[in-house]
Amino acid sequence: MREAEALSDEMLIALSALKGEMLKARQNPEVEVHTGQQALLHLTEAEQLVTRAGNQLFRTHDALSKVVRETAGVDENIATVRERAGAGAQLSSAVAHWDAPNP
């Protein structure tokens, strides 16, 4: 869930940077002020869509958190997917170490 939320934020950051670059390019005195206006409108719409999608992700996260509290209670020791993956890698490393022949 957090990965999806982070990707949404990264998308907004990228769109914001793109908009900034588009506006800087338009400040060139040789470029007419209305140049790229349609593209800016499309980009602004894309930003709004990503913002709404991010809002839905946050609502989903909140709803899932409520489900966990209602069905399982709060357990601060629940490992995330990444933590479980990291623990699996550590375990594999430890097994490989112990299975290695001693010199």
Protein backbone atom coordinates (compact mmCIF):
# COMPACT_ATOMS: atom_id res chain seq x y z
CA MET A 1 0.00 0.00 0.00
CA ARG A 2 2.74 2.42 0.93
CA GLU A 3 4.57 1.66 -2.30
CA ALA A 4 1.49 2.63 -4.32
CA GLU A 5 1.12 5.83 -2.29
CA ALA A 6 4.78 6.67 -2.81
CA LEU A 7 4.47 6.10 -6.56
CA SER A 8 1.51 8.46 -6.64
CA ASP A 9 3.61 11.12 -4.89
CA GLU A 10 6.52 10.51 -7.27
CA MET A 11 4.18 10.97 -10.23
CA LEU A 12 3.00 14.30 -8.83
CA ILE A 13 6.59 15.41 -8.30
CA ALA A 14 7.48 14.47 -11.89
CA LEU A 15 4.44 16.26 -13.30
CA SER A 16 5.22 19.34 -11.24
CA ALA A 17 8.81 19.38 -12.49
CA LEU A 18 7.59 19.00 -16.07
CA LYS A 19 5.18 21.90 -15.63
CA GLY A 20 7.98 24.05 -14.25
CA GLU A 21 10.18 23.28 -17.24
CA MET A 22 7.34 24.03 -19.65
CA LEU A 23 6.74 27.40 -18.01
CA LYS A 24 10.46 28.25 -17.99
CA ALA A 25 10.69 27.45 -21.71
CA ARG A 26 7.78 29.75 -22.39
CA GLN A 27 9.56 32.65 -20.66
CA ASN A 28 11.96 32.90 -23.58
CA PRO A 29 11.33 36.34 -25.14
CA GLU A 30 11.26 34.76 -28.60
CA VAL A 31 8.36 32.46 -27.62
CA GLU A 32 4.82 33.82 -27.64
CA VAL A 33 3.15 33.77 -24.22
CA HIS A 34 0.31 31.50 -25.34
CA THR A 35 2.68 28.85 -26.71
CA GLY A 36 2.06 25.48 -25.09
CA GLN A 37 -1.09 26.62 -23.31
CA GLN A 38 -3.05 23.59 -24.51
CA ALA A 39 -0.26 21.29 -23.32
CA LEU A 40 -0.31 23.01 -19.90
CA LEU A 41 -4.05 22.46 -19.66
CA HIS A 42 -3.61 18.77 -20.45
CA LEU A 43 -0.80 18.48 -17.90
CA THR A 44 -2.91 20.21 -15.25
CA GLU A 45 -5.71 17.73 -15.92
CA ALA A 46 -3.24 14.86 -15.55
CA GLU A 47 -2.09 16.30 -12.20
CA GLN A 48 -5.69 16.46 -11.03
CA LEU A 49 -6.29 12.85 -12.05
CA VAL A 50 -3.17 11.67 -10.21
CA THR A 51 -4.18 13.70 -7.15
CA ARG A 52 -7.63 12.11 -7.16
CA ALA A 53 -6.09 8.66 -7.62
CA GLY A 54 -3.75 9.33 -4.69
CA ASN A 55 -6.71 10.36 -2.59
CA GLN A 56 -8.42 7.07 -3.40
CA LEU A 57 -5.25 5.19 -2.41
CA PHE A 58 -5.24 6.98 0.95
CA ARG A 59 -8.91 6.10 1.45
CA THR A 60 -8.14 2.48 0.56
CA HIS A 61 -5.28 2.44 3.06
CA ASP A 62 -7.54 3.87 5.74
CA ALA A 63 -10.26 1.30 5.00
CA LEU A 64 -7.74 -1.56 5.13
CA SER A 65 -6.38 -0.26 8.43
CA LYS A 66 -9.89 -0.30 9.88
CA VAL A 67 -10.40 -3.88 8.66
CA VAL A 68 -7.20 -4.97 10.37
CA ARG A 69 -8.17 -3.27 13.64
CA GLU A 70 -11.68 -4.75 13.55
CA THR A 71 -10.70 -8.30 12.60
CA ALA A 72 -7.28 -8.85 14.08
CA GLY A 73 -6.71 -6.05 16.54
CA VAL A 74 -3.67 -3.86 16.43
CA ASP A 75 -0.41 -5.76 16.45
CA GLU A 76 2.64 -3.55 16.21
CA ASN A 77 4.83 -6.56 15.38
CA ILE A 78 3.19 -7.39 12.01
CA ALA A 79 5.95 -7.48 9.40
CA THR A 80 5.42 -5.74 6.07
CA VAL A 81 5.98 -7.54 2.78
CA ARG A 82 9.38 -5.88 2.41
CA GLU A 83 10.39 -6.81 5.95
CA ARG A 84 9.36 -10.43 5.35
CA ALA A 85 11.32 -10.46 2.08
CA GLY A 86 14.36 -9.02 3.83
CA ALA A 87 14.07 -11.57 6.63
CA GLY A 88 13.89 -14.36 4.03
CA ALA A 89 17.05 -13.09 2.37
CA GLN A 90 18.82 -12.90 5.73
CA LEU A 91 17.72 -16.44 6.56
CA SER A 92 18.97 -17.72 3.18
CA SER A 93 22.28 -15.98 3.79
CA ALA A 94 22.59 -17.47 7.25
CA VAL A 95 21.76 -20.97 5.96
CA ALA A 96 24.35 -20.62 3.19
CA HIS A 97 26.92 -19.51 5.78
CA TRP A 98 26.27 -22.48 8.06
CA ASP A 99 26.13 -24.95 5.17
CA ALA A 100 29.47 -23.75 3.80
CA PRO A 101 32.42 -26.07 4.42
CA ASN A 102 34.82 -24.94 7.12
CA PRO A 103 38.37 -24.31 5.87
